Amino acid sequence: MRIKEHPILKFDFSKKVQFYFEGQPMYGVEGEPIAAALHDNGVMVLRDSINLKRPRGFFCAIGHCSSCLMEVNGEPNIRVCIVPLEAGMRVNRQRGKGELR
């Protein structure tokens, strides 16, 4: 599910890191957007809409919509489409508007 070859862009897949999605270990490339790593691991639903509870996925990929708001390392409302993946991150689907702990 990952673009591996492109006529103009070069990709560096050498730095694989482990992160956790809802407690399950997954792997991605360090520095890629968290949403891209989730997508590559088969996670298509990032959250549900607040009012109608409809599934939301990777949409704008530039941090302007709210489709990718998730909880990262215990902090809610993180736009995972623009936040780089780091080793050991703990990512969870956010329920509702998110709660600070």
PDB file of N, CA and C in Angstrom:
ATOM      1  N   MET A   1       0.815  -1.189   0.000  1.00  0.00           N
ATOM      2  CA  MET A   1       0.000   0.000   0.000  1.00  0.00           C
ATOM      3  C   MET A   1       0.867   1.264   0.000  1.00  0.00           C
ATOM      4  N   ARG A   2       2.122   1.120  -0.285  1.00  0.00           N
ATOM      5  CA  ARG A   2       3.057   2.231  -0.237  1.00  0.00           C
ATOM      6  C   ARG A   2       3.616   2.477  -1.633  1.00  0.00           C
ATOM      7  N   ILE A   3       3.767   3.740  -2.003  1.00  0.00           N
ATOM      8  CA  ILE A   3       4.425   4.071  -3.262  1.00  0.00           C
ATOM      9  C   ILE A   3       5.911   3.810  -3.059  1.00  0.00           C
ATOM     10  N   LYS A   4       6.478   2.962  -3.866  1.00  0.00           N
ATOM     11  CA  LYS A   4       7.887   2.610  -3.703  1.00  0.00           C
ATOM     12  C   LYS A   4       8.773   3.212  -4.776  1.00  0.00           C
ATOM     13  N   GLU A   5       8.196   3.515  -5.921  1.00  0.00           N
ATOM     14  CA  GLU A   5       8.964   4.118  -7.011  1.00  0.00           C
ATOM     15  C   GLU A   5       8.195   5.302  -7.561  1.00  0.00           C
ATOM     16  N   HIS A   6       8.924   6.356  -7.879  1.00  0.00           N
ATOM     17  CA  HIS A   6       8.324   7.562  -8.416  1.00  0.00           C
ATOM     18  C   HIS A   6       9.313   8.173  -9.414  1.00  0.00           C
ATOM     19  N   PRO A   7       8.851   8.704 -10.521  1.00  0.00           N
ATOM     20  CA  PRO A   7       9.788   9.220 -11.523  1.00  0.00           C
ATOM     21  C   PRO A   7      10.579  10.449 -11.071  1.00  0.00           C
ATOM     22  N   ILE A   8      10.100  11.183 -10.081  1.00  0.00           N
ATOM     23  CA  ILE A   8      10.780  12.400  -9.633  1.00  0.00           C
ATOM     24  C   ILE A   8      11.250  12.297  -8.183  1.00  0.00           C
ATOM     25  N   LEU A   9      10.377  11.834  -7.296  1.00  0.00           N
ATOM     26  CA  LEU A   9      10.693  11.778  -5.872  1.00  0.00           C
ATOM     27  C   LEU A   9      11.541  10.564  -5.526  1.00  0.00           C
ATOM     28  N   LYS A  10      12.400  10.717  -4.553  1.00  0.00           N
ATOM     29  CA  LYS A  10      13.214   9.611  -4.031  1.00  0.00           C
ATOM     30  C   LYS A  10      12.744   9.305  -2.616  1.00  0.00           C
ATOM     31  N   PHE A  11      12.633   8.037  -2.289  1.00  0.00           N
ATOM     32  CA  PHE A  11      12.187   7.621  -0.967  1.00  0.00           C
ATOM     33  C   PHE A  11      13.306   6.865  -0.261  1.00  0.00           C
ATOM     34  N   ASP A  12      13.484   7.151   1.018  1.00  0.00           N
ATOM     35  CA  ASP A  12      14.479   6.452   1.828  1.00  0.00           C
ATOM     36  C   ASP A  12      13.742   5.588   2.841  1.00  0.00           C
ATOM     37  N   PHE A  13      13.736   4.295   2.602  1.00  0.00           N
ATOM     38  CA  PHE A  13      13.032   3.362   3.478  1.00  0.00           C
ATOM     39  C   PHE A  13      13.987   2.658   4.442  1.00  0.00           C
ATOM     40  N   SER A  14      15.172   3.188   4.627  1.00  0.00           N
ATOM     41  CA  SER A  14      16.196   2.487   5.405  1.00  0.00           C
ATOM     42  C   SER A  14      15.966   2.533   6.915  1.00  0.00           C
ATOM     43  N   LYS A  15      15.244   3.515   7.426  1.00  0.00           N
ATOM     44  CA  LYS A  15      15.083   3.665   8.872  1.00  0.00           C
ATOM     45  C   LYS A  15      13.692   3.221   9.316  1.00  0.00           C
ATOM     46  N   LYS A  16      13.509   1.909   9.440  1.00  0.00           N
ATOM     47  CA  LYS A  16      12.239   1.359   9.919  1.00  0.00           C
ATOM     48  C   LYS A  16      12.184   1.492  11.436  1.00  0.00           C
ATOM     49  N   VAL A  17      11.021   1.902  11.939  1.00  0.00           N
ATOM     50  CA  VAL A  17      10.834   2.039  13.388  1.00  0.00           C
ATOM     51  C   VAL A  17       9.541   1.357  13.801  1.00  0.00           C
ATOM     52  N   GLN A  18       9.514   0.942  15.050  1.00  0.00           N
ATOM     53  CA  GLN A  18       8.309   0.341  15.606  1.00  0.00           C
ATOM     54  C   GLN A  18       7.519   1.414  16.341  1.00  0.00           C
ATOM     55  N   PHE A  19       6.202   1.373  16.182  1.00  0.00           N
ATOM     56  CA  PHE A  19       5.295   2.228  16.945  1.00  0.00           C
ATOM     57  C   PHE A  19       4.092   1.377  17.324  1.00  0.00           C
ATOM     58  N   TYR A  20       3.182   1.926  18.102  1.00  0.00           N
ATOM     59  CA  TYR A  20       2.041   1.149  18.585  1.00  0.00           C
ATOM     60  C   TYR A  20       0.744   1.850  18.213  1.00  0.00           C
ATOM     61  N   PHE A  21      -0.161   1.100  17.619  1.00  0.00           N
ATOM     62  CA  PHE A  21      -1.488   1.608  17.313  1.00  0.00           C
ATOM     63  C   PHE A  21      -2.493   0.816  18.114  1.00  0.00           C
ATOM     64  N   GLU A  22      -3.162   1.501  19.023  1.00  0.00           N
ATOM     65  CA  GLU A  22      -4.124   0.870  19.920  1.00  0.00           C
ATOM     66  C   GLU A  22      -3.522  -0.361  20.592  1.00  0.00           C
ATOM     67  N   GLY A  23      -2.260  -0.226  20.997  1.00  0.00           N
ATOM     68  CA  GLY A  23      -1.564  -1.273  21.726  1.00  0.00           C
ATOM     69  C   GLY A  23      -0.887  -2.326  20.865  1.00  0.00           C
ATOM     70  N   GLN A  24      -1.145  -2.331  19.564  1.00  0.00           N
ATOM     71  CA  GLN A  24      -0.572  -3.330  18.666  1.00  0.00           C
ATOM     72  C   GLN A  24       0.705  -2.785  18.023  1.00  0.00           C
ATOM     73  N   PRO A  25       1.781  -3.554  18.040  1.00  0.00           N
ATOM     74  CA  PRO A  25       3.009  -3.071  17.399  1.00  0.00           C
ATOM     75  C   PRO A  25       2.869  -3.030  15.878  1.00  0.00           C
ATOM     76  N   MET A  26       3.388  -1.960  15.305  1.00  0.00           N
ATOM     77  CA  MET A  26       3.397  -1.785  13.858  1.00  0.00           C
ATOM     78  C   MET A  26       4.734  -1.175  13.481  1.00  0.00           C
ATOM     79  N   TYR A  27       5.013  -1.159  12.183  1.00  0.00           N
ATOM     80  CA  TYR A  27       6.271  -0.599  11.702  1.00  0.00           C
ATOM     81  C   TYR A  27       6.018   0.437  10.621  1.00  0.00           C
ATOM     82  N   GLY A  28       6.869   1.441  10.608  1.00  0.00           N
ATOM     83  CA  GLY A  28       6.803   2.487   9.599  1.00  0.00           C
ATOM     84  C   GLY A  28       8.196   3.020   9.358  1.00  0.00           C
ATOM     85  N   VAL A  29       8.272   4.044   8.543  1.00  0.00           N
ATOM     86  CA  VAL A  29       9.547   4.673   8.212  1.00  0.00           C
ATOM     87  C   VAL A  29       9.675   5.959   9.033  1.00  0.00           C
ATOM     88  N   GLU A  30      10.763   6.067   9.772  1.00  0.00           N
ATOM     89  CA  GLU A  30      10.973   7.242  10.600  1.00  0.00           C
ATOM     90  C   GLU A  30      10.871   8.522   9.764  1.00  0.00           C
ATOM     91  N   GLY A  31      10.100   9.475  10.260  1.00  0.00           N
ATOM     92  CA  GLY A  31       9.960  10.758   9.584  1.00  0.00           C
ATOM     93  C   GLY A  31       8.785  10.873   8.637  1.00  0.00           C
ATOM     94  N   GLU A  32       8.201   9.744   8.237  1.00  0.00           N
ATOM     95  CA  GLU A  32       7.020   9.837   7.382  1.00  0.00           C
ATOM     96  C   GLU A  32       5.830  10.247   8.257  1.00  0.00           C
ATOM     97  N   PRO A  33       4.779  10.814   7.669  1.00  0.00           N
ATOM     98  CA  PRO A  33       3.613  11.157   8.476  1.00  0.00           C
ATOM     99  C   PRO A  33       3.044   9.911   9.162  1.00  0.00           C
ATOM    100  N   ILE A  34       2.591  10.082  10.389  1.00  0.00           N
ATOM    101  CA  ILE A  34       2.007   8.956  11.129  1.00  0.00           C
ATOM    102  C   ILE A  34       0.878   8.329  10.309  1.00  0.00           C
ATOM    103  N   ALA A  35       0.043   9.152   9.683  1.00  0.00           N
ATOM    104  CA  ALA A  35      -1.080   8.638   8.890  1.00  0.00           C
ATOM    105  C   ALA A  35      -0.609   7.740   7.755  1.00  0.00           C
ATOM    106  N   ALA A  36       0.515   8.067   7.132  1.00  0.00           N
ATOM    107  CA  ALA A  36       1.050   7.236   6.049  1.00  0.00           C
ATOM    108  C   ALA A  36       1.475   5.874   6.583  1.00  0.00           C
ATOM    109  N   ALA A  37       2.103   5.859   7.749  1.00  0.00           N
ATOM    110  CA  ALA A  37       2.510   4.586   8.352  1.00  0.00           C
ATOM    111  C   ALA A  37       1.291   3.749   8.721  1.00  0.00           C
ATOM    112  N   LEU A  38       0.255   4.387   9.252  1.00  0.00           N
ATOM    113  CA  LEU A  38      -0.972   3.659   9.578  1.00  0.00           C
ATOM    114  C   LEU A  38      -1.603   3.087   8.310  1.00  0.00           C
ATOM    115  N   HIS A  39      -1.673   3.890   7.275  1.00  0.00           N
ATOM    116  CA  HIS A  39      -2.248   3.449   6.004  1.00  0.00           C
ATOM    117  C   HIS A  39      -1.479   2.256   5.452  1.00  0.00           C
ATOM    118  N   ASP A  40      -0.152   2.313   5.517  1.00  0.00           N
ATOM    119  CA  ASP A  40       0.674   1.209   5.029  1.00  0.00           C
ATOM    120  C   ASP A  40       0.454  -0.063   5.833  1.00  0.00           C
ATOM    121  N   ASN A  41       0.031   0.078   7.090  1.00  0.00           N
ATOM    122  CA  ASN A  41      -0.258  -1.076   7.943  1.00  0.00           C
ATOM    123  C   ASN A  41      -1.719  -1.512   7.854  1.00  0.00           C
ATOM    124  N   GLY A  42      -2.469  -0.929   6.907  1.00  0.00           N
ATOM    125  CA  GLY A  42      -3.856  -1.351   6.689  1.00  0.00           C
ATOM    126  C   GLY A  42      -4.889  -0.614   7.514  1.00  0.00           C
ATOM    127  N   VAL A  43      -4.492   0.399   8.262  1.00  0.00           N
ATOM    128  CA  VAL A  43      -5.444   1.173   9.069  1.00  0.00           C
ATOM    129  C   VAL A  43      -6.011   2.275   8.191  1.00  0.00           C
ATOM    130  N   MET A  44      -7.273   2.145   7.813  1.00  0.00           N
ATOM    131  CA  MET A  44      -7.902   3.117   6.936  1.00  0.00           C
ATOM    132  C   MET A  44      -8.801   4.097   7.693  1.00  0.00           C
ATOM    133  N   VAL A  45      -9.353   3.676   8.821  1.00  0.00           N
ATOM    134  CA  VAL A  45     -10.230   4.540   9.611  1.00  0.00           C
ATOM    135  C   VAL A  45      -9.404   5.126  10.748  1.00  0.00           C
ATOM    136  N   LEU A  46      -9.248   6.458  10.722  1.00  0.00           N
ATOM    137  CA  LEU A  46      -8.456   7.125  11.740  1.00  0.00           C
ATOM    138  C   LEU A  46      -9.309   7.600  12.910  1.00  0.00           C
ATOM    139  N   ARG A  47     -10.559   7.922  12.650  1.00  0.00           N
ATOM    140  CA  ARG A  47     -11.474   8.359  13.701  1.00  0.00           C
ATOM    141  C   ARG A  47     -12.887   8.298  13.177  1.00  0.00           C
ATOM    142  N   ASP A  48     -13.857   8.578  14.043  1.00  0.00           N
ATOM    143  CA  ASP A  48     -15.258   8.703  13.637  1.00  0.00           C
ATOM    144  C   ASP A  48     -15.663  10.164  13.789  1.00  0.00           C
ATOM    145  N   SER A  49     -16.565  10.630  12.927  1.00  0.00           N
ATOM    146  CA  SER A  49     -17.038  12.009  13.049  1.00  0.00           C
ATOM    147  C   SER A  49     -17.740  12.168  14.399  1.00  0.00           C
ATOM    148  N   ILE A  50     -17.659  13.367  14.941  1.00  0.00           N
ATOM    149  CA  ILE A  50     -18.165  13.599  16.294  1.00  0.00           C
ATOM    150  C   ILE A  50     -19.669  13.403  16.396  1.00  0.00           C
ATOM    151  N   ASN A  51     -20.426  13.981  15.480  1.00  0.00           N
ATOM    152  CA  ASN A  51     -21.884  13.935  15.606  1.00  0.00           C
ATOM    153  C   ASN A  51     -22.515  12.662  15.042  1.00  0.00           C
ATOM    154  N   LEU A  52     -22.186  12.307  13.834  1.00  0.00           N
ATOM    155  CA  LEU A  52     -22.845  11.178  13.172  1.00  0.00           C
ATOM    156  C   LEU A  52     -22.082   9.863  13.286  1.00  0.00           C
ATOM    157  N   LYS A  53     -20.888   9.910  13.869  1.00  0.00           N
ATOM    158  CA  LYS A  53     -20.071   8.703  14.089  1.00  0.00           C
ATOM    159  C   LYS A  53     -19.721   7.988  12.788  1.00  0.00           C
ATOM    160  N   ARG A  54     -19.524   8.739  11.717  1.00  0.00           N
ATOM    161  CA  ARG A  54     -19.119   8.156  10.442  1.00  0.00           C
ATOM    162  C   ARG A  54     -17.600   8.014  10.408  1.00  0.00           C
ATOM    163  N   PRO A  55     -17.092   6.948   9.773  1.00  0.00           N
ATOM    164  CA  PRO A  55     -15.639   6.757   9.725  1.00  0.00           C
ATOM    165  C   PRO A  55     -14.942   7.829   8.891  1.00  0.00           C
ATOM    166  N   ARG A  56     -13.794   8.251   9.373  1.00  0.00           N
ATOM    167  CA  ARG A  56     -12.972   9.247   8.677  1.00  0.00           C
ATOM    168  C   ARG A  56     -11.592   8.660   8.456  1.00  0.00           C
ATOM    169  N   GLY A  57     -11.008   8.939   7.299  1.00  0.00           N
ATOM    170  CA  GLY A  57      -9.684   8.431   6.969  1.00  0.00           C
ATOM    171  C   GLY A  57      -8.752   9.538   6.547  1.00  0.00           C
ATOM    172  N   PHE A  58      -7.654   9.146   5.933  1.00  0.00           N
ATOM    173  CA  PHE A  58      -6.631  10.054   5.426  1.00  0.00           C
ATOM    174  C   PHE A  58      -7.283  10.893   4.322  1.00  0.00           C
ATOM    175  N   PHE A  59      -7.450  12.210   4.518  1.00  0.00           N
ATOM    176  CA  PHE A  59      -8.194  13.021   3.557  1.00  0.00           C
ATOM    177  C   PHE A  59      -7.341  14.108   2.921  1.00  0.00           C
ATOM    178  N   CYS A  60      -7.101  15.215   3.609  1.00  0.00           N
ATOM    179  CA  CYS A  60      -6.417  16.339   2.955  1.00  0.00           C
ATOM    180  C   CYS A  60      -4.901  16.176   2.937  1.00  0.00           C
ATOM    181  N   ALA A  61      -4.335  15.540   3.936  1.00  0.00           N
ATOM    182  CA  ALA A  61      -2.895  15.283   4.043  1.00  0.00           C
ATOM    183  C   ALA A  61      -2.041  16.542   4.154  1.00  0.00           C
ATOM    184  N   ILE A  62      -2.659  17.678   4.512  1.00  0.00           N
ATOM    185  CA  ILE A  62      -1.888  18.911   4.705  1.00  0.00           C
ATOM    186  C   ILE A  62      -2.262  19.637   5.995  1.00  0.00           C
ATOM    187  N   GLY A  63      -3.009  18.985   6.878  1.00  0.00           N
ATOM    188  CA  GLY A  63      -3.307  19.552   8.191  1.00  0.00           C
ATOM    189  C   GLY A  63      -4.436  20.558   8.250  1.00  0.00           C
ATOM    190  N   HIS A  64      -5.299  20.611   7.226  1.00  0.00           N
ATOM    191  CA  HIS A  64      -6.380  21.592   7.231  1.00  0.00           C
ATOM    192  C   HIS A  64      -7.728  21.034   7.677  1.00  0.00           C
ATOM    193  N   CYS A  65      -7.961  19.765   7.503  1.00  0.00           N
ATOM    194  CA  CYS A  65      -9.246  19.205   7.919  1.00  0.00           C
ATOM    195  C   CYS A  65      -9.083  18.578   9.309  1.00  0.00           C
ATOM    196  N   SER A  66     -10.124  17.971   9.809  1.00  0.00           N
ATOM    197  CA  SER A  66     -10.033  17.329  11.125  1.00  0.00           C
ATOM    198  C   SER A  66     -10.213  15.818  11.032  1.00  0.00           C
ATOM    199  N   SER A  67     -10.098  15.268   9.828  1.00  0.00           N
ATOM    200  CA  SER A  67     -10.329  13.836   9.636  1.00  0.00           C
ATOM    201  C   SER A  67      -9.277  12.960  10.293  1.00  0.00           C
ATOM    202  N   CYS A  68      -8.099  13.501  10.540  1.00  0.00           N
ATOM    203  CA  CYS A  68      -7.011  12.663  11.060  1.00  0.00           C
ATOM    204  C   CYS A  68      -6.657  12.967  12.516  1.00  0.00           C
ATOM    205  N   LEU A  69      -7.524  13.663  13.239  1.00  0.00           N
ATOM    206  CA  LEU A  69      -7.215  13.950  14.642  1.00  0.00           C
ATOM    207  C   LEU A  69      -7.172  12.656  15.437  1.00  0.00           C
ATOM    208  N   MET A  70      -6.038  12.414  16.088  1.00  0.00           N
ATOM    209  CA  MET A  70      -5.859  11.206  16.884  1.00  0.00           C
ATOM    210  C   MET A  70      -5.130  11.556  18.166  1.00  0.00           C
ATOM    211  N   GLU A  71      -5.055  10.585  19.053  1.00  0.00           N
ATOM    212  CA  GLU A  71      -4.310  10.737  20.292  1.00  0.00           C
ATOM    213  C   GLU A  71      -2.921  10.135  20.080  1.00  0.00           C
ATOM    214  N   VAL A  72      -1.886  10.940  20.314  1.00  0.00           N
ATOM    215  CA  VAL A  72      -0.510  10.483  20.135  1.00  0.00           C
ATOM    216  C   VAL A  72       0.242  10.694  21.450  1.00  0.00           C
ATOM    217  N   ASN A  73       0.774   9.615  21.982  1.00  0.00           N
ATOM    218  CA  ASN A  73       1.499   9.658  23.258  1.00  0.00           C
ATOM    219  C   ASN A  73       0.675  10.333  24.346  1.00  0.00           C
ATOM    220  N   GLY A  74      -0.633  10.057  24.361  1.00  0.00           N
ATOM    221  CA  GLY A  74      -1.519  10.583  25.382  1.00  0.00           C
ATOM    222  C   GLY A  74      -2.050  11.981  25.132  1.00  0.00           C
ATOM    223  N   GLU A  75      -1.620  12.630  24.058  1.00  0.00           N
ATOM    224  CA  GLU A  75      -2.070  13.990  23.756  1.00  0.00           C
ATOM    225  C   GLU A  75      -3.131  13.942  22.656  1.00  0.00           C
ATOM    226  N   PRO A  76      -4.328  14.506  22.916  1.00  0.00           N
ATOM    227  CA  PRO A  76      -5.393  14.469  21.913  1.00  0.00           C
ATOM    228  C   PRO A  76      -5.223  15.534  20.835  1.00  0.00           C
ATOM    229  N   ASN A  77      -6.036  15.404  19.799  1.00  0.00           N
ATOM    230  CA  ASN A  77      -6.145  16.384  18.711  1.00  0.00           C
ATOM    231  C   ASN A  77      -4.850  16.604  17.933  1.00  0.00           C
ATOM    232  N   ILE A  78      -4.119  15.538  17.702  1.00  0.00           N
ATOM    233  CA  ILE A  78      -2.907  15.599  16.895  1.00  0.00           C
ATOM    234  C   ILE A  78      -3.276  15.281  15.449  1.00  0.00           C
ATOM    235  N   ARG A  79      -2.883  16.136  14.528  1.00  0.00           N
ATOM    236  CA  ARG A  79      -3.136  15.903  13.096  1.00  0.00           C
ATOM    237  C   ARG A  79      -2.039  14.966  12.581  1.00  0.00           C
ATOM    238  N   VAL A  80      -2.370  13.690  12.509  1.00  0.00           N
ATOM    239  CA  VAL A  80      -1.354  12.689  12.181  1.00  0.00           C
ATOM    240  C   VAL A  80      -0.933  12.721  10.712  1.00  0.00           C
ATOM    241  N   CYS A  81      -1.601  13.517   9.897  1.00  0.00           N
ATOM    242  CA  CYS A  81      -1.186  13.624   8.496  1.00  0.00           C
ATOM    243  C   CYS A  81       0.056  14.495   8.333  1.00  0.00           C
ATOM    244  N   ILE A  82       0.398  15.289   9.352  1.00  0.00           N
ATOM    245  CA  ILE A  82       1.553  16.185   9.232  1.00  0.00           C
ATOM    246  C   ILE A  82       2.596  15.976  10.326  1.00  0.00           C
ATOM    247  N   VAL A  83       2.334  15.088  11.280  1.00  0.00           N
ATOM    248  CA  VAL A  83       3.289  14.838  12.361  1.00  0.00           C
ATOM    249  C   VAL A  83       4.179  13.652  11.976  1.00  0.00           C
ATOM    250  N   PRO A  84       5.499  13.836  12.019  1.00  0.00           N
ATOM    251  CA  PRO A  84       6.418  12.765  11.633  1.00  0.00           C
ATOM    252  C   PRO A  84       6.429  11.599  12.628  1.00  0.00           C
ATOM    253  N   LEU A  85       6.536  10.408  12.098  1.00  0.00           N
ATOM    254  CA  LEU A  85       6.603   9.199  12.905  1.00  0.00           C
ATOM    255  C   LEU A  85       7.959   9.092  13.601  1.00  0.00           C
ATOM    256  N   GLU A  86       7.911   8.719  14.878  1.00  0.00           N
ATOM    257  CA  GLU A  86       9.122   8.465  15.657  1.00  0.00           C
ATOM    258  C   GLU A  86       8.992   7.101  16.309  1.00  0.00           C
ATOM    259  N   ALA A  87      10.105   6.484  16.600  1.00  0.00           N
ATOM    260  CA  ALA A  87      10.111   5.173  17.251  1.00  0.00           C
ATOM    261  C   ALA A  87       9.389   5.241  18.593  1.00  0.00           C
ATOM    262  N   GLY A  88       8.587   4.214  18.864  1.00  0.00           N
ATOM    263  CA  GLY A  88       7.934   4.076  20.158  1.00  0.00           C
ATOM    264  C   GLY A  88       6.666   4.875  20.347  1.00  0.00           C
ATOM    265  N   MET A  89       6.241   5.634  19.352  1.00  0.00           N
ATOM    266  CA  MET A  89       5.017   6.428  19.500  1.00  0.00           C
ATOM    267  C   MET A  89       3.834   5.525  19.802  1.00  0.00           C
ATOM    268  N   ARG A  90       2.929   6.045  20.615  1.00  0.00           N
ATOM    269  CA  ARG A  90       1.698   5.337  20.945  1.00  0.00           C
ATOM    270  C   ARG A  90       0.538   6.135  20.364  1.00  0.00           C
ATOM    271  N   VAL A  91      -0.118   5.537  19.383  1.00  0.00           N
ATOM    272  CA  VAL A  91      -1.174   6.209  18.631  1.00  0.00           C
ATOM    273  C   VAL A  91      -2.489   5.488  18.896  1.00  0.00           C
ATOM    274  N   ASN A  92      -3.533   6.264  19.193  1.00  0.00           N
ATOM    275  CA  ASN A  92      -4.857   5.704  19.435  1.00  0.00           C
ATOM    276  C   ASN A  92      -5.907   6.524  18.711  1.00  0.00           C
ATOM    277  N   ARG A  93      -6.992   5.840  18.338  1.00  0.00           N
ATOM    278  CA  ARG A  93      -8.125   6.569  17.777  1.00  0.00           C
ATOM    279  C   ARG A  93      -8.683   7.467  18.874  1.00  0.00           C
ATOM    280  N   GLN A  94      -9.093   8.626  18.473  1.00  0.00           N
ATOM    281  CA  GLN A  94      -9.652   9.580  19.426  1.00  0.00           C
ATOM    282  C   GLN A  94     -11.156   9.449  19.428  1.00  0.00           C
ATOM    283  N   ARG A  95     -11.732   9.401  20.584  1.00  0.00           N
ATOM    284  CA  ARG A  95     -13.182   9.337  20.716  1.00  0.00           C
ATOM    285  C   ARG A  95     -13.689  10.743  20.998  1.00  0.00           C
ATOM    286  N   GLY A  96     -14.614  11.228  20.213  1.00  0.00           N
ATOM    287  CA  GLY A  96     -15.162  12.567  20.428  1.00  0.00           C
ATOM    288  C   GLY A  96     -14.132  13.649  20.219  1.00  0.00           C
ATOM    289  N   LYS A  97     -14.174  14.662  21.087  1.00  0.00           N
ATOM    290  CA  LYS A  97     -13.284  15.815  20.953  1.00  0.00           C
ATOM    291  C   LYS A  97     -11.939  15.600  21.625  1.00  0.00           C
ATOM    292  N   GLY A  98     -11.760  14.495  22.287  1.00  0.00           N
ATOM    293  CA  GLY A  98     -10.498  14.223  22.963  1.00  0.00           C
ATOM    294  C   GLY A  98     -10.468  14.835  24.341  1.00  0.00           C
ATOM    295  N   GLU A  99      -9.773  14.181  25.241  1.00  0.00           N
ATOM    296  CA  GLU A  99      -9.682  14.651  26.617  1.00  0.00           C
ATOM    297  C   GLU A  99      -8.226  14.763  27.030  1.00  0.00           C
ATOM    298  N   LEU A 100      -7.888  15.859  27.684  1.00  0.00           N
ATOM    299  CA  LEU A 100      -6.555  16.000  28.244  1.00  0.00           C
ATOM    300  C   LEU A 100      -6.459  15.170  29.501  1.00  0.00           C
ATOM    301  N   ARG A 101      -5.310  14.586  29.745  1.00  0.00           N
ATOM    302  CA  ARG A 101      -5.143  13.755  30.948  1.00  0.00           C
ATOM    303  C   ARG A 101      -4.198  14.410  31.898  1.00  0.00           C
TER     304      ARG A 101
END
